[in-house]
Amino acid sequence: MYVCICKAVTDTDIRGAVEDGTTSMRGLRDRLGCSGQCGKCARQVRQLRDQTLNENSAQG
């Protein structure tokens, strides 16, 4: 699903970046471009980041 329409960033892109170690919002913006143009996706990007981090920490 597209999260950032401005830069065509999907939830899979965000989860992959977090799993690869990009865990800050600034890092995600620099790497993927999300939340850097209009900012409307920032809340959802943050939620996906936090969810992915929580899932990864629960696994091991």
PDB file of N, CA and C in Angstrom:
ATOM      1  N   MET A   1       0.842  -1.170   0.000  1.00  0.00           N
ATOM      2  CA  MET A   1       0.000   0.000   0.000  1.00  0.00           C
ATOM      3  C   MET A   1       0.893   1.242   0.000  1.00  0.00           C
ATOM      4  N   TYR A   2       0.520   2.232  -0.795  1.00  0.00           N
ATOM      5  CA  TYR A   2       1.269   3.480  -0.811  1.00  0.00           C
ATOM      6  C   TYR A   2       1.003   4.268   0.462  1.00  0.00           C
ATOM      7  N   VAL A   3       2.077   4.704   1.092  1.00  0.00           N
ATOM      8  CA  VAL A   3       1.987   5.532   2.293  1.00  0.00           C
ATOM      9  C   VAL A   3       2.286   6.976   1.916  1.00  0.00           C
ATOM     10  N   CYS A   4       3.321   7.179   1.135  1.00  0.00           N
ATOM     11  CA  CYS A   4       3.716   8.520   0.685  1.00  0.00           C
ATOM     12  C   CYS A   4       3.435   8.612  -0.809  1.00  0.00           C
ATOM     13  N   ILE A   5       2.386   9.342  -1.138  1.00  0.00           N
ATOM     14  CA  ILE A   5       2.009   9.496  -2.537  1.00  0.00           C
ATOM     15  C   ILE A   5       3.016  10.391  -3.267  1.00  0.00           C
ATOM     16  N   CYS A   6       3.518  11.395  -2.588  1.00  0.00           N
ATOM     17  CA  CYS A   6       4.454  12.342  -3.221  1.00  0.00           C
ATOM     18  C   CYS A   6       5.689  11.636  -3.781  1.00  0.00           C
ATOM     19  N   LYS A   7       6.201  10.655  -3.046  1.00  0.00           N
ATOM     20  CA  LYS A   7       7.441   9.984  -3.438  1.00  0.00           C
ATOM     21  C   LYS A   7       7.236   8.506  -3.772  1.00  0.00           C
ATOM     22  N   ALA A   8       5.980   8.061  -3.848  1.00  0.00           N
ATOM     23  CA  ALA A   8       5.630   6.674  -4.193  1.00  0.00           C
ATOM     24  C   ALA A   8       6.323   5.661  -3.280  1.00  0.00           C
ATOM     25  N   VAL A   9       6.233   5.895  -1.963  1.00  0.00           N
ATOM     26  CA  VAL A   9       6.836   5.004  -0.976  1.00  0.00           C
ATOM     27  C   VAL A   9       5.734   4.117  -0.400  1.00  0.00           C
ATOM     28  N   THR A  10       5.999   2.816  -0.363  1.00  0.00           N
ATOM     29  CA  THR A  10       5.018   1.870   0.148  1.00  0.00           C
ATOM     30  C   THR A  10       5.344   1.451   1.575  1.00  0.00           C
ATOM     31  N   ASP A  11       4.380   0.794   2.208  1.00  0.00           N
ATOM     32  CA  ASP A  11       4.608   0.261   3.545  1.00  0.00           C
ATOM     33  C   ASP A  11       5.721  -0.771   3.527  1.00  0.00           C
ATOM     34  N   THR A  12       5.837  -1.529   2.454  1.00  0.00           N
ATOM     35  CA  THR A  12       6.904  -2.526   2.328  1.00  0.00           C
ATOM     36  C   THR A  12       8.270  -1.843   2.267  1.00  0.00           C
ATOM     37  N   ASP A  13       8.354  -0.719   1.573  1.00  0.00           N
ATOM     38  CA  ASP A  13       9.605   0.040   1.515  1.00  0.00           C
ATOM     39  C   ASP A  13      10.020   0.501   2.912  1.00  0.00           C
ATOM     40  N   ILE A  14       9.061   1.003   3.665  1.00  0.00           N
ATOM     41  CA  ILE A  14       9.353   1.516   5.005  1.00  0.00           C
ATOM     42  C   ILE A  14       9.776   0.388   5.920  1.00  0.00           C
ATOM     43  N   ARG A  15       9.033  -0.705   5.914  1.00  0.00           N
ATOM     44  CA  ARG A  15       9.392  -1.854   6.767  1.00  0.00           C
ATOM     45  C   ARG A  15      10.779  -2.391   6.410  1.00  0.00           C
ATOM     46  N   GLY A  16      11.076  -2.480   5.129  1.00  0.00           N
ATOM     47  CA  GLY A  16      12.382  -2.963   4.694  1.00  0.00           C
ATOM     48  C   GLY A  16      13.512  -2.063   5.156  1.00  0.00           C
ATOM     49  N   ALA A  17      13.300  -0.766   5.057  1.00  0.00           N
ATOM     50  CA  ALA A  17      14.331   0.182   5.492  1.00  0.00           C
ATOM     51  C   ALA A  17      14.570   0.075   6.992  1.00  0.00           C
ATOM     52  N   VAL A  18      13.491  -0.070   7.765  1.00  0.00           N
ATOM     53  CA  VAL A  18      13.632  -0.209   9.220  1.00  0.00           C
ATOM     54  C   VAL A  18      14.348  -1.511   9.554  1.00  0.00           C
ATOM     55  N   GLU A  19      13.989  -2.581   8.884  1.00  0.00           N
ATOM     56  CA  GLU A  19      14.648  -3.867   9.122  1.00  0.00           C
ATOM     57  C   GLU A  19      16.124  -3.820   8.736  1.00  0.00           C
ATOM     58  N   ASP A  20      16.481  -2.967   7.788  1.00  0.00           N
ATOM     59  CA  ASP A  20      17.884  -2.796   7.386  1.00  0.00           C
ATOM     60  C   ASP A  20      18.649  -1.843   8.296  1.00  0.00           C
ATOM     61  N   GLY A  21      17.956  -1.244   9.282  1.00  0.00           N
ATOM     62  CA  GLY A  21      18.645  -0.424  10.266  1.00  0.00           C
ATOM     63  C   GLY A  21      18.361   1.062  10.225  1.00  0.00           C
ATOM     64  N   THR A  22      17.521   1.502   9.307  1.00  0.00           N
ATOM     65  CA  THR A  22      17.163   2.925   9.256  1.00  0.00           C
ATOM     66  C   THR A  22      15.969   3.118  10.187  1.00  0.00           C
ATOM     67  N   THR A  23      16.234   3.597  11.396  1.00  0.00           N
ATOM     68  CA  THR A  23      15.173   3.624  12.402  1.00  0.00           C
ATOM     69  C   THR A  23      14.709   5.024  12.793  1.00  0.00           C
ATOM     70  N   SER A  24      15.387   6.059  12.344  1.00  0.00           N
ATOM     71  CA  SER A  24      14.947   7.411  12.686  1.00  0.00           C
ATOM     72  C   SER A  24      14.069   7.960  11.564  1.00  0.00           C
ATOM     73  N   MET A  25      13.207   8.890  11.916  1.00  0.00           N
ATOM     74  CA  MET A  25      12.377   9.533  10.904  1.00  0.00           C
ATOM     75  C   MET A  25      13.246  10.292   9.904  1.00  0.00           C
ATOM     76  N   ARG A  26      14.281  10.937  10.387  1.00  0.00           N
ATOM     77  CA  ARG A  26      15.191  11.657   9.488  1.00  0.00           C
ATOM     78  C   ARG A  26      15.868  10.676   8.526  1.00  0.00           C
ATOM     79  N   GLY A  27      16.287   9.537   9.045  1.00  0.00           N
ATOM     80  CA  GLY A  27      16.911   8.531   8.202  1.00  0.00           C
ATOM     81  C   GLY A  27      15.964   8.002   7.144  1.00  0.00           C
ATOM     82  N   LEU A  28      14.718   7.766   7.522  1.00  0.00           N
ATOM     83  CA  LEU A  28      13.730   7.295   6.551  1.00  0.00           C
ATOM     84  C   LEU A  28      13.456   8.362   5.495  1.00  0.00           C
ATOM     85  N   ARG A  29      13.396   9.607   5.912  1.00  0.00           N
ATOM     86  CA  ARG A  29      13.181  10.698   4.962  1.00  0.00           C
ATOM     87  C   ARG A  29      14.364  10.792   3.996  1.00  0.00           C
ATOM     88  N   ASP A  30      15.587  10.698   4.523  1.00  0.00           N
ATOM     89  CA  ASP A  30      16.770  10.787   3.671  1.00  0.00           C
ATOM     90  C   ASP A  30      16.875   9.603   2.722  1.00  0.00           C
ATOM     91  N   ARG A  31      16.552   8.426   3.212  1.00  0.00           N
ATOM     92  CA  ARG A  31      16.699   7.209   2.415  1.00  0.00           C
ATOM     93  C   ARG A  31      15.575   7.032   1.389  1.00  0.00           C
ATOM     94  N   LEU A  32      14.325   7.285   1.824  1.00  0.00           N
ATOM     95  CA  LEU A  32      13.179   6.999   0.967  1.00  0.00           C
ATOM     96  C   LEU A  32      12.492   8.240   0.413  1.00  0.00           C
ATOM     97  N   GLY A  33      12.681   9.369   1.073  1.00  0.00           N
ATOM     98  CA  GLY A  33      12.020  10.593   0.646  1.00  0.00           C
ATOM     99  C   GLY A  33      10.664  10.821   1.287  1.00  0.00           C
ATOM    100  N   CYS A  34      10.198   9.859   2.067  1.00  0.00           N
ATOM    101  CA  CYS A  34       8.873   9.997   2.676  1.00  0.00           C
ATOM    102  C   CYS A  34       8.859  11.078   3.750  1.00  0.00           C
ATOM    103  N   SER A  35       7.733  11.717   3.888  1.00  0.00           N
ATOM    104  CA  SER A  35       7.442  12.787   4.854  1.00  0.00           C
ATOM    105  C   SER A  35       8.289  14.035   4.644  1.00  0.00           C
ATOM    106  N   GLY A  36       8.952  14.150   3.517  1.00  0.00           N
ATOM    107  CA  GLY A  36       9.802  15.304   3.274  1.00  0.00           C
ATOM    108  C   GLY A  36       9.185  16.375   2.399  1.00  0.00           C
ATOM    109  N   GLN A  37       8.118  16.043   1.698  1.00  0.00           N
ATOM    110  CA  GLN A  37       7.552  17.029   0.791  1.00  0.00           C
ATOM    111  C   GLN A  37       6.336  17.702   1.424  1.00  0.00           C
ATOM    112  N   CYS A  38       5.210  17.032   1.504  1.00  0.00           N
ATOM    113  CA  CYS A  38       4.023  17.675   2.073  1.00  0.00           C
ATOM    114  C   CYS A  38       3.829  17.316   3.549  1.00  0.00           C
ATOM    115  N   GLY A  39       4.392  16.185   3.984  1.00  0.00           N
ATOM    116  CA  GLY A  39       4.335  15.800   5.391  1.00  0.00           C
ATOM    117  C   GLY A  39       3.077  15.074   5.825  1.00  0.00           C
ATOM    118  N   LYS A  40       2.131  14.870   4.938  1.00  0.00           N
ATOM    119  CA  LYS A  40       0.873  14.224   5.326  1.00  0.00           C
ATOM    120  C   LYS A  40       1.046  12.763   5.724  1.00  0.00           C
ATOM    121  N   CYS A  41       2.103  12.138   5.284  1.00  0.00           N
ATOM    122  CA  CYS A  41       2.316  10.723   5.578  1.00  0.00           C
ATOM    123  C   CYS A  41       3.115  10.498   6.865  1.00  0.00           C
ATOM    124  N   ALA A  42       3.596  11.551   7.486  1.00  0.00           N
ATOM    125  CA  ALA A  42       4.523  11.411   8.613  1.00  0.00           C
ATOM    126  C   ALA A  42       3.961  10.553   9.740  1.00  0.00           C
ATOM    127  N   ARG A  43       2.697  10.729  10.076  1.00  0.00           N
ATOM    128  CA  ARG A  43       2.122   9.951  11.172  1.00  0.00           C
ATOM    129  C   ARG A  43       2.105   8.457  10.839  1.00  0.00           C
ATOM    130  N   GLN A  44       1.708   8.126   9.619  1.00  0.00           N
ATOM    131  CA  GLN A  44       1.653   6.724   9.229  1.00  0.00           C
ATOM    132  C   GLN A  44       3.059   6.127   9.110  1.00  0.00           C
ATOM    133  N   VAL A  45       4.007   6.903   8.622  1.00  0.00           N
ATOM    134  CA  VAL A  45       5.395   6.435   8.551  1.00  0.00           C
ATOM    135  C   VAL A  45       5.897   6.119   9.960  1.00  0.00           C
ATOM    136  N   ARG A  46       5.629   7.005  10.898  1.00  0.00           N
ATOM    137  CA  ARG A  46       6.054   6.801  12.286  1.00  0.00           C
ATOM    138  C   ARG A  46       5.399   5.550  12.880  1.00  0.00           C
ATOM    139  N   GLN A  47       4.117   5.360  12.611  1.00  0.00           N
ATOM    140  CA  GLN A  47       3.414   4.182  13.116  1.00  0.00           C
ATOM    141  C   GLN A  47       4.001   2.897  12.540  1.00  0.00           C
ATOM    142  N   LEU A  48       4.275   2.881  11.250  1.00  0.00           N
ATOM    143  CA  LEU A  48       4.875   1.703  10.618  1.00  0.00           C
ATOM    144  C   LEU A  48       6.273   1.433  11.173  1.00  0.00           C
ATOM    145  N   ARG A  49       7.042   2.487  11.363  1.00  0.00           N
ATOM    146  CA  ARG A  49       8.382   2.340  11.937  1.00  0.00           C
ATOM    147  C   ARG A  49       8.293   1.719  13.324  1.00  0.00           C
ATOM    148  N   ASP A  50       7.431   2.273  14.170  1.00  0.00           N
ATOM    149  CA  ASP A  50       7.294   1.769  15.538  1.00  0.00           C
ATOM    150  C   ASP A  50       6.787   0.339  15.558  1.00  0.00           C
ATOM    151  N   GLN A  51       5.825   0.032  14.705  1.00  0.00           N
ATOM    152  CA  GLN A  51       5.276  -1.318  14.632  1.00  0.00           C
ATOM    153  C   GLN A  51       6.361  -2.317  14.210  1.00  0.00           C
ATOM    154  N   THR A  52       7.139  -1.949  13.217  1.00  0.00           N
ATOM    155  CA  THR A  52       8.203  -2.828  12.732  1.00  0.00           C
ATOM    156  C   THR A  52       9.265  -3.038  13.802  1.00  0.00           C
ATOM    157  N   LEU A  53       9.639  -1.967  14.501  1.00  0.00           N
ATOM    158  CA  LEU A  53      10.610  -2.087  15.583  1.00  0.00           C
ATOM    159  C   LEU A  53      10.095  -2.986  16.697  1.00  0.00           C
ATOM    160  N   ASN A  54       8.814  -2.845  17.050  1.00  0.00           N
ATOM    161  CA  ASN A  54       8.219  -3.678  18.100  1.00  0.00           C
ATOM    162  C   ASN A  54       8.153  -5.140  17.672  1.00  0.00           C
ATOM    163  N   GLU A  55       7.804  -5.389  16.428  1.00  0.00           N
ATOM    164  CA  GLU A  55       7.752  -6.763  15.917  1.00  0.00           C
ATOM    165  C   GLU A  55       9.137  -7.394  15.946  1.00  0.00           C
ATOM    166  N   ASN A  56      10.143  -6.643  15.528  1.00  0.00           N
ATOM    167  CA  ASN A  56      11.508  -7.160  15.497  1.00  0.00           C
ATOM    168  C   ASN A  56      12.050  -7.417  16.895  1.00  0.00           C
ATOM    169  N   SER A  57      11.723  -6.558  17.849  1.00  0.00           N
ATOM    170  CA  SER A  57      12.222  -6.759  19.216  1.00  0.00           C
ATOM    171  C   SER A  57      11.505  -7.931  19.888  1.00  0.00           C
ATOM    172  N   ALA A  58      10.272  -8.195  19.516  1.00  0.00           N
ATOM    173  CA  ALA A  58       9.524  -9.318  20.090  1.00  0.00           C
ATOM    174  C   ALA A  58      10.041 -10.661  19.557  1.00  0.00           C
ATOM    175  N   GLN A  59      10.619 -10.644  18.360  1.00  0.00           N
ATOM    176  CA  GLN A  59      11.114 -11.870  17.754  1.00  0.00           C
ATOM    177  C   GLN A  59      12.473 -12.303  18.325  1.00  0.00           C
ATOM    178  N   GLY A  60      13.160 -11.416  18.910  1.00  0.00           N
ATOM    179  CA  GLY A  60      14.430 -11.882  19.413  1.00  0.00           C
ATOM    180  C   GLY A  60      15.295 -10.793  19.828  1.00  0.00           C
TER     181      GLY A  60
END
